[in-house]
Amino acid sequence: MLLAVDTSTQWVGIALYDSDRVVAELAWQTRFHHTVELAPAVQDLMQRSGIKPAELKALAVALGPGSFTSLRIGMALVKGMALALKIPVVGIPTLDVVAAAQPLQELPMAAILQAGRGRLAVGWYHAEKRGWKLQGEAALMNIEDLSRAIEKPTLVCGEITEAERQTLGKRRKTVLMTSPAHSTRRPGFLAELAWKRWQNGHADDPALLAPIYLRVADPIPE
């Protein structure tokens, strides 16, 4: 059994995953109350699922990008549990979780997270046989820069406000935006990605796990 925790932004998610199924999943929007909401939510989800801490064999955590403080809260919880239970941790970039929810297409894709102060964390992906693959490095940009960067038909998914959707819709006919439901970051996908990585023998040192930090964007990859 694997427990996954994502506190990258105000959208928080936790999930329990076992082999070939999502056992339980919970996601909600918080008002920067991560500290008081996260641990009770994990405890409640495990109790509702009839899972005891001793049954957990691995943990997963979203690495960001995202809010510095919220990411630290999720990582602190996961690191503490890993040390107490003596089980491995798998860190997954949050934009990979956003991308994993989208069906594979031949179009390039921009996966987006809110990064605060009017900035977006953007990762550019293309489809491979095993799933979406990040091209280059994710970077920070505002909605106007993102709009100008999309010069060919591109799928856009992730945390996008209504105003940002309107900006993209007006400026670029080549922008194909996913629906709000398809853009929701589900912790079940984080758990699934981490489970596969763990089953392939990969895990991270909890002491070395740190949030992903971004720099200002370079031009979009070709």
N, C-alpha and C. Protein backbone atom coordinates (compact mmCIF):
# COMPACT_ATOMS: atom_id res chain seq x y z
N MET A 1 0.85 -1.19 0.00
CA MET A 1 0.00 0.00 0.00
C MET A 1 0.89 1.25 0.00
N LEU A 2 0.56 2.20 -0.85
CA LEU A 2 1.32 3.46 -0.97
C LEU A 2 0.40 4.63 -0.66
N LEU A 3 0.91 5.56 0.12
CA LEU A 3 0.20 6.81 0.41
C LEU A 3 0.86 7.94 -0.36
N ALA A 4 0.06 8.71 -1.10
CA ALA A 4 0.57 9.84 -1.88
C ALA A 4 0.03 11.15 -1.32
N VAL A 5 0.89 12.16 -1.27
CA VAL A 5 0.54 13.46 -0.71
C VAL A 5 0.97 14.56 -1.68
N ASP A 6 0.05 15.46 -2.00
CA ASP A 6 0.34 16.59 -2.89
C ASP A 6 -0.16 17.87 -2.24
N THR A 7 0.76 18.74 -1.85
CA THR A 7 0.39 20.04 -1.28
C THR A 7 1.07 21.17 -2.08
N SER A 8 1.20 20.98 -3.37
CA SER A 8 1.96 21.92 -4.19
C SER A 8 1.36 23.32 -4.21
N THR A 9 0.04 23.40 -4.23
CA THR A 9 -0.66 24.68 -4.32
C THR A 9 -1.82 24.69 -3.33
N GLN A 10 -2.79 25.57 -3.53
CA GLN A 10 -3.98 25.55 -2.69
C GLN A 10 -4.84 24.32 -2.95
N TRP A 11 -4.60 23.65 -4.06
CA TRP A 11 -5.29 22.41 -4.35
C TRP A 11 -4.48 21.27 -3.73
N VAL A 12 -5.05 20.61 -2.73
CA VAL A 12 -4.37 19.58 -1.95
C VAL A 12 -4.97 18.22 -2.27
N GLY A 13 -4.14 17.18 -2.33
CA GLY A 13 -4.66 15.85 -2.61
C GLY A 13 -3.90 14.77 -1.87
N ILE A 14 -4.61 13.72 -1.46
CA ILE A 14 -4.00 12.54 -0.87
C ILE A 14 -4.68 11.32 -1.46
N ALA A 15 -3.93 10.23 -1.56
CA ALA A 15 -4.50 9.01 -2.14
C ALA A 15 -3.80 7.79 -1.57
N LEU A 16 -4.54 6.69 -1.52
CA LEU A 16 -4.00 5.39 -1.17
C LEU A 16 -4.04 4.52 -2.42
N TYR A 17 -2.94 3.85 -2.72
CA TYR A 17 -2.83 3.09 -3.97
C TYR A 17 -2.22 1.72 -3.66
N ASP A 18 -2.78 0.69 -4.28
CA ASP A 18 -2.27 -0.66 -4.06
C ASP A 18 -2.26 -1.44 -5.36
N SER A 19 -1.10 -1.68 -5.87
CA SER A 19 -0.87 -2.53 -7.03
C SER A 19 -1.59 -2.05 -8.29
N ASP A 20 -2.87 -2.37 -8.45
CA ASP A 20 -3.58 -2.04 -9.67
C ASP A 20 -4.85 -1.25 -9.40
N ARG A 21 -4.93 -0.56 -8.25
CA ARG A 21 -6.15 0.18 -7.96
C ARG A 21 -5.90 1.35 -7.04
N VAL A 22 -6.71 2.38 -7.21
CA VAL A 22 -6.75 3.50 -6.27
C VAL A 22 -7.71 3.09 -5.17
N VAL A 23 -7.19 2.88 -3.97
CA VAL A 23 -8.01 2.42 -2.86
C VAL A 23 -8.89 3.56 -2.34
N ALA A 24 -8.32 4.76 -2.24
CA ALA A 24 -9.06 5.93 -1.76
C ALA A 24 -8.36 7.18 -2.25
N GLU A 25 -9.15 8.25 -2.40
CA GLU A 25 -8.61 9.49 -2.95
C GLU A 25 -9.41 10.66 -2.41
N LEU A 26 -8.71 11.72 -2.05
CA LEU A 26 -9.36 12.92 -1.54
C LEU A 26 -8.60 14.13 -2.03
N ALA A 27 -9.34 15.11 -2.55
CA ALA A 27 -8.72 16.36 -3.02
C ALA A 27 -9.64 17.51 -2.68
N TRP A 28 -9.04 18.63 -2.30
CA TRP A 28 -9.85 19.80 -1.93
C TRP A 28 -9.01 21.07 -2.08
N GLN A 29 -9.70 22.20 -2.14
CA GLN A 29 -9.03 23.49 -2.21
C GLN A 29 -8.99 24.10 -0.81
N THR A 30 -7.79 24.42 -0.36
CA THR A 30 -7.63 25.00 0.95
C THR A 30 -7.30 26.48 0.82
N ARG A 31 -7.49 27.22 1.90
CA ARG A 31 -7.14 28.63 1.94
C ARG A 31 -5.86 28.82 2.75
N PHE A 32 -4.82 28.12 2.31
CA PHE A 32 -3.53 28.15 3.00
C PHE A 32 -3.64 27.62 4.42
N HIS A 33 -4.50 26.61 4.60
CA HIS A 33 -4.64 25.94 5.88
C HIS A 33 -4.01 24.55 5.84
N HIS A 34 -2.99 24.37 5.03
CA HIS A 34 -2.36 23.07 4.86
C HIS A 34 -1.95 22.47 6.21
N THR A 35 -1.37 23.30 7.06
CA THR A 35 -0.82 22.80 8.32
C THR A 35 -1.87 22.13 9.18
N VAL A 36 -3.05 22.73 9.29
CA VAL A 36 -4.07 22.20 10.18
C VAL A 36 -4.97 21.16 9.50
N GLU A 37 -4.98 21.13 8.17
CA GLU A 37 -5.90 20.23 7.46
C GLU A 37 -5.26 18.93 7.01
N LEU A 38 -3.97 18.94 6.72
CA LEU A 38 -3.36 17.79 6.05
C LEU A 38 -3.32 16.53 6.92
N ALA A 39 -2.70 16.60 8.07
CA ALA A 39 -2.56 15.40 8.91
C ALA A 39 -3.90 14.79 9.30
N PRO A 40 -4.90 15.59 9.72
CA PRO A 40 -6.20 14.99 10.02
C PRO A 40 -6.85 14.34 8.79
N ALA A 41 -6.63 14.94 7.61
CA ALA A 41 -7.21 14.36 6.39
C ALA A 41 -6.58 13.01 6.07
N VAL A 42 -5.27 12.90 6.25
CA VAL A 42 -4.58 11.62 6.02
C VAL A 42 -5.10 10.57 7.00
N GLN A 43 -5.20 10.95 8.25
CA GLN A 43 -5.69 10.02 9.27
C GLN A 43 -7.11 9.56 8.96
N ASP A 44 -7.96 10.50 8.56
CA ASP A 44 -9.35 10.16 8.26
C ASP A 44 -9.45 9.25 7.04
N LEU A 45 -8.67 9.54 6.00
CA LEU A 45 -8.72 8.71 4.79
C LEU A 45 -8.28 7.28 5.09
N MET A 46 -7.24 7.14 5.90
CA MET A 46 -6.76 5.81 6.24
C MET A 46 -7.77 5.06 7.10
N GLN A 47 -8.40 5.75 8.03
CA GLN A 47 -9.41 5.11 8.87
C GLN A 47 -10.62 4.67 8.06
N ARG A 48 -11.07 5.54 7.16
CA ARG A 48 -12.21 5.20 6.31
C ARG A 48 -11.91 3.99 5.42
N SER A 49 -10.64 3.85 5.04
CA SER A 49 -10.24 2.76 4.16
C SER A 49 -9.84 1.51 4.93
N GLY A 50 -9.80 1.61 6.25
CA GLY A 50 -9.40 0.47 7.07
C GLY A 50 -7.93 0.14 6.95
N ILE A 51 -7.11 1.15 6.68
CA ILE A 51 -5.68 0.95 6.51
C ILE A 51 -4.93 1.47 7.74
N LYS A 52 -4.07 0.64 8.29
CA LYS A 52 -3.24 1.05 9.42
C LYS A 52 -1.88 1.51 8.93
N PRO A 53 -1.23 2.41 9.65
CA PRO A 53 0.09 2.90 9.22
C PRO A 53 1.08 1.76 8.94
N ALA A 54 1.03 0.69 9.70
CA ALA A 54 1.96 -0.42 9.50
C ALA A 54 1.77 -1.11 8.15
N GLU A 55 0.61 -0.91 7.52
CA GLU A 55 0.35 -1.53 6.23
C GLU A 55 0.95 -0.75 5.07
N LEU A 56 1.37 0.49 5.32
CA LEU A 56 1.99 1.28 4.26
C LEU A 56 3.39 0.75 3.97
N LYS A 57 3.68 0.57 2.70
CA LYS A 57 4.99 0.06 2.28
C LYS A 57 5.83 1.12 1.58
N ALA A 58 5.18 2.23 1.17
CA ALA A 58 5.90 3.30 0.49
C ALA A 58 5.09 4.58 0.55
N LEU A 59 5.76 5.70 0.33
CA LEU A 59 5.13 7.01 0.34
C LEU A 59 5.50 7.75 -0.93
N ALA A 60 4.61 8.63 -1.36
CA ALA A 60 4.88 9.48 -2.53
C ALA A 60 4.58 10.92 -2.16
N VAL A 61 5.35 11.83 -2.72
CA VAL A 61 5.13 13.25 -2.47
C VAL A 61 5.36 14.04 -3.74
N ALA A 62 4.51 15.03 -3.97
CA ALA A 62 4.68 15.93 -5.11
C ALA A 62 5.78 16.94 -4.79
N LEU A 63 6.73 17.09 -5.70
CA LEU A 63 7.91 17.92 -5.46
C LEU A 63 7.74 19.38 -5.87
N GLY A 64 6.62 19.70 -6.53
CA GLY A 64 6.48 21.04 -7.06
C GLY A 64 6.88 21.09 -8.51
N PRO A 65 6.90 22.26 -9.10
CA PRO A 65 6.85 23.59 -8.47
C PRO A 65 5.51 23.89 -7.81
N GLY A 66 5.50 24.96 -7.03
CA GLY A 66 4.30 25.37 -6.34
C GLY A 66 4.64 26.39 -5.27
N SER A 67 3.79 26.48 -4.27
CA SER A 67 4.01 27.40 -3.17
C SER A 67 5.10 26.85 -2.26
N PHE A 68 6.10 27.68 -1.94
CA PHE A 68 7.22 27.23 -1.11
C PHE A 68 6.72 26.67 0.21
N THR A 69 5.84 27.40 0.90
CA THR A 69 5.38 26.98 2.22
C THR A 69 4.53 25.72 2.15
N SER A 70 3.59 25.67 1.21
CA SER A 70 2.71 24.51 1.13
C SER A 70 3.48 23.24 0.76
N LEU A 71 4.44 23.36 -0.13
CA LEU A 71 5.26 22.20 -0.49
C LEU A 71 6.01 21.67 0.72
N ARG A 72 6.56 22.57 1.51
CA ARG A 72 7.32 22.17 2.70
C ARG A 72 6.45 21.41 3.69
N ILE A 73 5.19 21.80 3.80
CA ILE A 73 4.28 21.14 4.74
C ILE A 73 4.06 19.69 4.33
N GLY A 74 3.80 19.46 3.05
CA GLY A 74 3.60 18.10 2.57
C GLY A 74 4.85 17.25 2.71
N MET A 75 6.00 17.84 2.39
CA MET A 75 7.26 17.11 2.49
C MET A 75 7.60 16.77 3.93
N ALA A 76 7.32 17.70 4.83
CA ALA A 76 7.61 17.45 6.25
C ALA A 76 6.79 16.26 6.76
N LEU A 77 5.51 16.20 6.39
CA LEU A 77 4.67 15.10 6.82
C LEU A 77 5.19 13.77 6.27
N VAL A 78 5.48 13.75 4.97
CA VAL A 78 5.93 12.51 4.33
C VAL A 78 7.29 12.07 4.87
N LYS A 79 8.21 13.01 5.05
CA LYS A 79 9.52 12.65 5.60
C LYS A 79 9.38 12.09 7.01
N GLY A 80 8.54 12.71 7.82
CA GLY A 80 8.34 12.22 9.17
C GLY A 80 7.77 10.81 9.20
N MET A 81 6.80 10.55 8.32
CA MET A 81 6.21 9.21 8.26
C MET A 81 7.24 8.19 7.76
N ALA A 82 8.04 8.59 6.79
CA ALA A 82 9.05 7.68 6.24
C ALA A 82 10.05 7.26 7.30
N LEU A 83 10.48 8.22 8.09
CA LEU A 83 11.44 7.91 9.15
C LEU A 83 10.81 7.06 10.25
N ALA A 84 9.57 7.39 10.62
CA ALA A 84 8.90 6.65 11.69
C ALA A 84 8.58 5.22 11.29
N LEU A 85 8.13 5.05 10.03
CA LEU A 85 7.71 3.73 9.56
C LEU A 85 8.83 2.96 8.88
N LYS A 86 9.96 3.66 8.60
CA LYS A 86 11.10 3.05 7.93
C LYS A 86 10.70 2.48 6.56
N ILE A 87 10.04 3.32 5.76
CA ILE A 87 9.62 2.92 4.42
C ILE A 87 10.13 3.94 3.40
N PRO A 88 10.25 3.54 2.13
CA PRO A 88 10.81 4.42 1.10
C PRO A 88 9.86 5.54 0.68
N VAL A 89 10.45 6.58 0.10
CA VAL A 89 9.71 7.73 -0.42
C VAL A 89 10.05 7.91 -1.89
N VAL A 90 9.05 8.24 -2.68
CA VAL A 90 9.24 8.55 -4.11
C VAL A 90 8.73 9.96 -4.36
N GLY A 91 9.60 10.83 -4.87
CA GLY A 91 9.21 12.18 -5.22
C GLY A 91 8.88 12.29 -6.70
N ILE A 92 7.79 12.96 -7.02
CA ILE A 92 7.34 13.11 -8.40
C ILE A 92 7.11 14.59 -8.68
N PRO A 93 7.68 15.15 -9.76
CA PRO A 93 7.39 16.54 -10.12
C PRO A 93 5.89 16.76 -10.33
N THR A 94 5.36 17.83 -9.78
CA THR A 94 3.91 18.05 -9.82
C THR A 94 3.38 18.22 -11.24
N LEU A 95 4.15 18.84 -12.11
CA LEU A 95 3.68 19.00 -13.49
C LEU A 95 3.55 17.66 -14.20
N ASP A 96 4.34 16.66 -13.80
CA ASP A 96 4.18 15.32 -14.36
C ASP A 96 2.83 14.73 -13.96
N VAL A 97 2.35 15.09 -12.77
CA VAL A 97 1.04 14.62 -12.31
C VAL A 97 -0.06 15.26 -13.16
N VAL A 98 0.08 16.55 -13.44
CA VAL A 98 -0.88 17.24 -14.30
C VAL A 98 -0.92 16.59 -15.68
N ALA A 99 0.26 16.31 -16.23
CA ALA A 99 0.35 15.74 -17.58
C ALA A 99 -0.22 14.32 -17.62
N ALA A 100 0.01 13.55 -16.58
CA ALA A 100 -0.39 12.14 -16.58
C ALA A 100 -1.89 11.96 -16.73
N ALA A 101 -2.66 12.97 -16.36
CA ALA A 101 -4.13 12.86 -16.44
C ALA A 101 -4.65 13.00 -17.86
N GLN A 102 -3.81 13.42 -18.78
CA GLN A 102 -4.28 13.71 -20.14
C GLN A 102 -4.05 12.53 -21.08
N PRO A 103 -5.05 12.15 -21.89
CA PRO A 103 -4.85 11.10 -22.89
C PRO A 103 -3.73 11.50 -23.86
N LEU A 104 -2.96 10.52 -24.29
CA LEU A 104 -1.86 10.80 -25.21
C LEU A 104 -2.40 11.30 -26.55
N GLN A 105 -1.76 12.33 -27.07
CA GLN A 105 -2.11 12.91 -28.37
C GLN A 105 -0.83 13.27 -29.10
N GLU A 106 -0.96 13.49 -30.41
CA GLU A 106 0.20 13.89 -31.19
C GLU A 106 0.55 15.36 -30.97
N LEU A 107 -0.38 16.13 -30.44
CA LEU A 107 -0.13 17.55 -30.19
C LEU A 107 0.86 17.74 -29.04
N PRO A 108 1.65 18.81 -29.08
CA PRO A 108 2.44 19.16 -27.90
C PRO A 108 1.50 19.64 -26.80
N MET A 109 1.99 19.66 -25.57
CA MET A 109 1.13 20.04 -24.45
C MET A 109 1.87 20.94 -23.48
N ALA A 110 1.15 21.94 -22.96
CA ALA A 110 1.67 22.79 -21.89
C ALA A 110 0.91 22.46 -20.62
N ALA A 111 1.62 21.99 -19.60
CA ALA A 111 1.02 21.71 -18.29
C ALA A 111 1.31 22.88 -17.37
N ILE A 112 0.30 23.32 -16.61
CA ILE A 112 0.39 24.59 -15.88
C ILE A 112 0.03 24.43 -14.41
N LEU A 113 0.75 25.16 -13.57
CA LEU A 113 0.42 25.31 -12.16
C LEU A 113 0.45 26.79 -11.81
N GLN A 114 -0.38 27.22 -10.88
CA GLN A 114 -0.30 28.57 -10.37
C GLN A 114 0.95 28.71 -9.50
N ALA A 115 1.73 29.76 -9.74
CA ALA A 115 2.97 29.95 -8.99
C ALA A 115 2.96 31.21 -8.15
N GLY A 116 1.82 31.91 -8.09
CA GLY A 116 1.71 33.11 -7.27
C GLY A 116 2.21 34.36 -7.97
N ARG A 117 1.72 35.52 -7.51
CA ARG A 117 2.14 36.83 -8.04
C ARG A 117 1.90 36.93 -9.54
N GLY A 118 0.84 36.31 -10.02
CA GLY A 118 0.50 36.39 -11.43
C GLY A 118 1.37 35.53 -12.33
N ARG A 119 2.18 34.66 -11.74
CA ARG A 119 3.06 33.81 -12.54
C ARG A 119 2.51 32.40 -12.65
N LEU A 120 2.90 31.75 -13.74
CA LEU A 120 2.53 30.35 -13.98
C LEU A 120 3.79 29.51 -14.09
N ALA A 121 3.73 28.33 -13.52
CA ALA A 121 4.78 27.33 -13.75
C ALA A 121 4.34 26.50 -14.95
N VAL A 122 5.16 26.48 -16.00
CA VAL A 122 4.77 25.84 -17.26
C VAL A 122 5.80 24.80 -17.65
N GLY A 123 5.32 23.62 -17.97
CA GLY A 123 6.17 22.57 -18.51
C GLY A 123 5.66 22.16 -19.88
N TRP A 124 6.58 22.01 -20.83
CA TRP A 124 6.20 21.64 -22.20
C TRP A 124 6.44 20.14 -22.39
N TYR A 125 5.41 19.44 -22.85
CA TYR A 125 5.46 17.97 -22.96
C TYR A 125 5.16 17.51 -24.38
N HIS A 126 5.70 16.33 -24.72
CA HIS A 126 5.24 15.65 -25.92
C HIS A 126 5.01 14.18 -25.58
N ALA A 127 4.18 13.53 -26.36
CA ALA A 127 3.75 12.17 -26.06
C ALA A 127 4.76 11.15 -26.56
N GLU A 128 5.06 10.18 -25.70
CA GLU A 128 5.85 9.01 -26.06
C GLU A 128 5.01 7.76 -25.77
N LYS A 129 5.52 6.60 -26.12
CA LYS A 129 4.75 5.37 -25.91
C LYS A 129 4.40 5.16 -24.45
N ARG A 130 5.30 5.54 -23.55
CA ARG A 130 5.08 5.29 -22.13
C ARG A 130 4.37 6.44 -21.41
N GLY A 131 4.08 7.52 -22.14
CA GLY A 131 3.39 8.64 -21.52
C GLY A 131 3.97 9.97 -21.94
N TRP A 132 3.51 11.03 -21.31
CA TRP A 132 3.99 12.38 -21.63
C TRP A 132 5.40 12.59 -21.09
N LYS A 133 6.24 13.22 -21.90
CA LYS A 133 7.64 13.45 -21.53
C LYS A 133 7.93 14.95 -21.53
N LEU A 134 8.48 15.44 -20.43
CA LEU A 134 8.84 16.85 -20.33
C LEU A 134 9.98 17.18 -21.26
N GLN A 135 9.85 18.30 -21.98
CA GLN A 135 10.90 18.76 -22.89
C GLN A 135 11.64 19.93 -22.24
N GLY A 136 12.93 19.78 -22.05
CA GLY A 136 13.68 20.84 -21.39
C GLY A 136 13.29 20.94 -19.93
N GLU A 137 13.27 22.15 -19.40
CA GLU A 137 12.93 22.37 -18.01
C GLU A 137 11.67 23.23 -17.90
N ALA A 138 10.90 22.99 -16.86
CA ALA A 138 9.76 23.86 -16.59
C ALA A 138 10.27 25.24 -16.21
N ALA A 139 9.44 26.26 -16.41
CA ALA A 139 9.88 27.63 -16.14
C ALA A 139 8.70 28.50 -15.76
N LEU A 140 9.00 29.68 -15.25
CA LEU A 140 7.99 30.65 -14.85
C LEU A 140 7.68 31.62 -15.99
N MET A 141 6.41 31.93 -16.18
CA MET A 141 6.02 32.95 -17.15
C MET A 141 4.64 33.46 -16.76
N ASN A 142 4.26 34.61 -17.31
CA ASN A 142 2.90 35.11 -17.08
C ASN A 142 2.01 34.66 -18.24
N ILE A 143 0.73 34.95 -18.12
CA ILE A 143 -0.22 34.44 -19.11
C ILE A 143 0.02 35.05 -20.49
N GLU A 144 0.47 36.32 -20.54
CA GLU A 144 0.74 36.95 -21.83
C GLU A 144 1.93 36.27 -22.52
N ASP A 145 2.98 35.96 -21.75
CA ASP A 145 4.14 35.27 -22.32
C ASP A 145 3.76 33.89 -22.83
N LEU A 146 2.93 33.19 -22.06
CA LEU A 146 2.49 31.86 -22.48
C LEU A 146 1.69 31.95 -23.78
N SER A 147 0.80 32.92 -23.86
CA SER A 147 -0.01 33.09 -25.05
C SER A 147 0.86 33.34 -26.28
N ARG A 148 1.86 34.20 -26.13
CA ARG A 148 2.74 34.51 -27.26
C ARG A 148 3.61 33.32 -27.64
N ALA A 149 3.93 32.46 -26.66
CA ALA A 149 4.82 31.34 -26.93
C ALA A 149 4.16 30.23 -27.73
N ILE A 150 2.83 30.16 -27.70
CA ILE A 150 2.14 29.08 -28.39
C ILE A 150 1.85 29.51 -29.82
N GLU A 151 2.63 28.98 -30.74
CA GLU A 151 2.54 29.38 -32.14
C GLU A 151 1.96 28.28 -33.02
N LYS A 152 1.72 27.11 -32.46
CA LYS A 152 1.12 26.00 -33.22
C LYS A 152 0.12 25.30 -32.31
N PRO A 153 -0.80 24.50 -32.87
CA PRO A 153 -1.80 23.85 -32.03
C PRO A 153 -1.19 23.12 -30.84
N THR A 154 -1.63 23.49 -29.65
CA THR A 154 -1.05 22.98 -28.41
C THR A 154 -2.15 22.74 -27.38
N LEU A 155 -2.09 21.59 -26.74
CA LEU A 155 -3.01 21.29 -25.65
C LEU A 155 -2.52 22.00 -24.39
N VAL A 156 -3.43 22.66 -23.68
CA VAL A 156 -3.09 23.37 -22.45
C VAL A 156 -3.94 22.82 -21.32
N CYS A 157 -3.29 22.39 -20.23
CA CYS A 157 -4.01 21.79 -19.12
C CYS A 157 -3.43 22.24 -17.79
N GLY A 158 -4.21 22.08 -16.74
CA GLY A 158 -3.72 22.42 -15.41
C GLY A 158 -4.51 23.55 -14.78
N GLU A 159 -3.91 24.20 -13.79
CA GLU A 159 -4.57 25.25 -13.03
C GLU A 159 -4.62 26.55 -13.83
N ILE A 160 -5.77 26.83 -14.39
CA ILE A 160 -5.95 28.01 -15.23
C ILE A 160 -7.19 28.76 -14.73
N THR A 161 -7.05 30.01 -14.40
CA THR A 161 -8.20 30.79 -13.94
C THR A 161 -9.10 31.15 -15.11
N GLU A 162 -10.30 31.60 -14.81
CA GLU A 162 -11.23 31.99 -15.87
C GLU A 162 -10.65 33.14 -16.69
N ALA A 163 -10.02 34.11 -16.03
CA ALA A 163 -9.42 35.24 -16.75
C ALA A 163 -8.30 34.76 -17.67
N GLU A 164 -7.51 33.80 -17.20
CA GLU A 164 -6.42 33.26 -18.02
C GLU A 164 -6.96 32.47 -19.20
N ARG A 165 -8.05 31.76 -18.99
CA ARG A 165 -8.69 31.04 -20.10
C ARG A 165 -9.17 32.02 -21.17
N GLN A 166 -9.72 33.15 -20.72
CA GLN A 166 -10.20 34.15 -21.67
C GLN A 166 -9.03 34.75 -22.45
N THR A 167 -7.93 35.01 -21.77
CA THR A 167 -6.75 35.56 -22.45
C THR A 167 -6.23 34.61 -23.51
N LEU A 168 -6.10 33.35 -23.14
CA LEU A 168 -5.60 32.36 -24.10
C LEU A 168 -6.57 32.18 -25.26
N GLY A 169 -7.87 32.19 -24.96
CA GLY A 169 -8.87 32.01 -26.00
C GLY A 169 -8.89 33.15 -27.00
N LYS A 170 -8.65 34.36 -26.53
CA LYS A 170 -8.68 35.52 -27.42
C LYS A 170 -7.43 35.63 -28.28
N ARG A 171 -6.30 35.30 -27.72
CA ARG A 171 -5.02 35.56 -28.39
C ARG A 171 -4.53 34.43 -29.27
N ARG A 172 -4.97 33.23 -28.98
CA ARG A 172 -4.42 32.11 -29.74
C ARG A 172 -5.50 31.11 -30.10
N LYS A 173 -5.84 31.04 -31.38
CA LYS A 173 -6.78 30.03 -31.83
C LYS A 173 -6.15 28.65 -31.79
N THR A 174 -4.83 28.61 -31.65
CA THR A 174 -4.12 27.34 -31.61
C THR A 174 -4.13 26.71 -30.22
N VAL A 175 -4.67 27.40 -29.23
CA VAL A 175 -4.71 26.87 -27.86
C VAL A 175 -5.93 25.96 -27.70
N LEU A 176 -5.68 24.72 -27.32
CA LEU A 176 -6.75 23.76 -27.07
C LEU A 176 -6.76 23.47 -25.58
N MET A 177 -7.68 24.11 -24.84
CA MET A 177 -7.70 23.99 -23.40
C MET A 177 -8.55 22.81 -22.95
N THR A 178 -8.04 22.06 -21.99
CA THR A 178 -8.82 20.98 -21.41
C THR A 178 -9.91 21.56 -20.51
N SER A 179 -10.92 20.78 -20.24
CA SER A 179 -12.00 21.23 -19.38
C SER A 179 -11.50 21.34 -17.93
N PRO A 180 -12.23 22.07 -17.08
CA PRO A 180 -11.83 22.15 -15.67
C PRO A 180 -11.70 20.79 -15.01
N ALA A 181 -12.57 19.85 -15.33
CA ALA A 181 -12.48 18.52 -14.73
C ALA A 181 -11.21 17.81 -15.15
N HIS A 182 -10.86 17.91 -16.43
CA HIS A 182 -9.63 17.28 -16.91
C HIS A 182 -8.38 18.01 -16.43
N SER A 183 -8.54 19.25 -16.01
CA SER A 183 -7.40 20.03 -15.53
C SER A 183 -7.17 19.84 -14.03
N THR A 184 -8.11 19.21 -13.35
CA THR A 184 -7.97 19.00 -11.90
C THR A 184 -6.84 18.02 -11.61
N ARG A 185 -5.99 18.39 -10.67
CA ARG A 185 -4.82 17.57 -10.32
C ARG A 185 -5.23 16.48 -9.33
N ARG A 186 -5.34 15.25 -9.82
CA ARG A 186 -5.79 14.14 -8.98
C ARG A 186 -4.62 13.44 -8.32
N PRO A 187 -4.69 13.23 -6.99
CA PRO A 187 -3.60 12.54 -6.30
C PRO A 187 -3.47 11.08 -6.70
N GLY A 188 -4.52 10.51 -7.28
CA GLY A 188 -4.42 9.13 -7.76
C GLY A 188 -3.36 8.98 -8.84
N PHE A 189 -3.19 10.00 -9.67
CA PHE A 189 -2.15 9.94 -10.70
C PHE A 189 -0.76 10.06 -10.09
N LEU A 190 -0.63 10.90 -9.07
CA LEU A 190 0.65 10.97 -8.34
C LEU A 190 0.99 9.60 -7.76
N ALA A 191 0.01 8.96 -7.14
CA ALA A 191 0.24 7.64 -6.54
C ALA A 191 0.63 6.62 -7.60
N GLU A 192 -0.04 6.66 -8.74
CA GLU A 192 0.24 5.70 -9.81
C GLU A 192 1.64 5.87 -10.38
N LEU A 193 2.03 7.11 -10.62
CA LEU A 193 3.38 7.38 -11.12
C LEU A 193 4.43 6.90 -10.11
N ALA A 194 4.20 7.20 -8.84
CA ALA A 194 5.15 6.82 -7.80
C ALA A 194 5.22 5.31 -7.63
N TRP A 195 4.06 4.66 -7.71
CA TRP A 195 4.03 3.20 -7.58
C TRP A 195 4.89 2.54 -8.66
N LYS A 196 4.74 2.97 -9.89
CA LYS A 196 5.52 2.40 -10.99
C LYS A 196 7.01 2.62 -10.77
N ARG A 197 7.36 3.82 -10.33
CA ARG A 197 8.78 4.12 -10.09
C ARG A 197 9.32 3.25 -8.96
N TRP A 198 8.55 3.10 -7.89
CA TRP A 198 8.97 2.29 -6.75
C TRP A 198 9.12 0.82 -7.15
N GLN A 199 8.16 0.32 -7.93
CA GLN A 199 8.21 -1.07 -8.37
C GLN A 199 9.41 -1.34 -9.28
N ASN A 200 9.90 -0.30 -9.93
CA ASN A 200 11.09 -0.44 -10.78
C ASN A 200 12.38 -0.26 -9.99
N GLY A 201 12.25 -0.18 -8.68
CA GLY A 201 13.43 -0.12 -7.83
C GLY A 201 13.98 1.25 -7.56
N HIS A 202 13.18 2.29 -7.81
CA HIS A 202 13.66 3.66 -7.61
C HIS A 202 12.97 4.29 -6.41
N ALA A 203 13.75 4.87 -5.54
CA ALA A 203 13.22 5.60 -4.39
C ALA A 203 14.20 6.73 -4.07
N ASP A 204 13.74 7.69 -3.29
CA ASP A 204 14.55 8.86 -2.97
C ASP A 204 14.95 8.85 -1.50
N ASP A 205 16.05 9.50 -1.22
CA ASP A 205 16.50 9.68 0.16
C ASP A 205 15.65 10.79 0.78
N PRO A 206 14.86 10.49 1.81
CA PRO A 206 14.01 11.53 2.40
C PRO A 206 14.80 12.77 2.84
N ALA A 207 16.01 12.57 3.30
CA ALA A 207 16.81 13.70 3.79
C ALA A 207 17.21 14.65 2.67
N LEU A 208 17.23 14.14 1.44
CA LEU A 208 17.68 14.95 0.31
C LEU A 208 16.54 15.53 -0.52
N LEU A 209 15.32 15.10 -0.26
CA LEU A 209 14.18 15.61 -1.03
C LEU A 209 14.00 17.11 -0.77
N ALA A 210 13.81 17.87 -1.83
CA ALA A 210 13.62 19.32 -1.72
C ALA A 210 12.66 19.77 -2.81
N PRO A 211 11.95 20.88 -2.59
CA PRO A 211 11.04 21.39 -3.62
C PRO A 211 11.77 21.76 -4.90
N ILE A 212 11.05 21.71 -6.00
CA ILE A 212 11.59 22.13 -7.29
C ILE A 212 11.42 23.64 -7.42
N TYR A 213 12.49 24.33 -7.70
CA TYR A 213 12.45 25.78 -7.88
C TYR A 213 12.63 26.09 -9.37
N LEU A 214 11.95 27.14 -9.82
CA LEU A 214 11.97 27.49 -11.23
C LEU A 214 12.63 28.82 -11.48
N ARG A 215 13.06 29.01 -12.72
CA ARG A 215 13.59 30.30 -13.14
C ARG A 215 12.70 30.85 -14.24
N VAL A 216 12.95 32.09 -14.63
CA VAL A 216 12.16 32.73 -15.68
C VAL A 216 12.33 31.96 -16.98
N ALA A 217 11.28 31.89 -17.76
CA ALA A 217 11.23 31.02 -18.94
C ALA A 217 12.19 31.44 -20.03
N ASP A 218 12.73 30.40 -20.71
CA ASP A 218 13.40 30.57 -21.99
C ASP A 218 12.34 30.38 -23.08
N PRO A 219 12.69 30.58 -24.34
CA PRO A 219 11.71 30.35 -25.41
C PRO A 219 11.21 28.91 -25.41
N ILE A 220 9.99 28.72 -25.90
CA ILE A 220 9.39 27.39 -25.99
C ILE A 220 10.27 26.46 -26.81
N PRO A 221 10.44 25.15 -26.37
CA PRO A 221 11.21 24.20 -27.14
C PRO A 221 10.58 23.94 -28.50
N GLU A 222 11.44 23.66 -29.46
CA GLU A 222 10.94 23.31 -30.80
C GLU A 222 10.41 21.88 -30.79
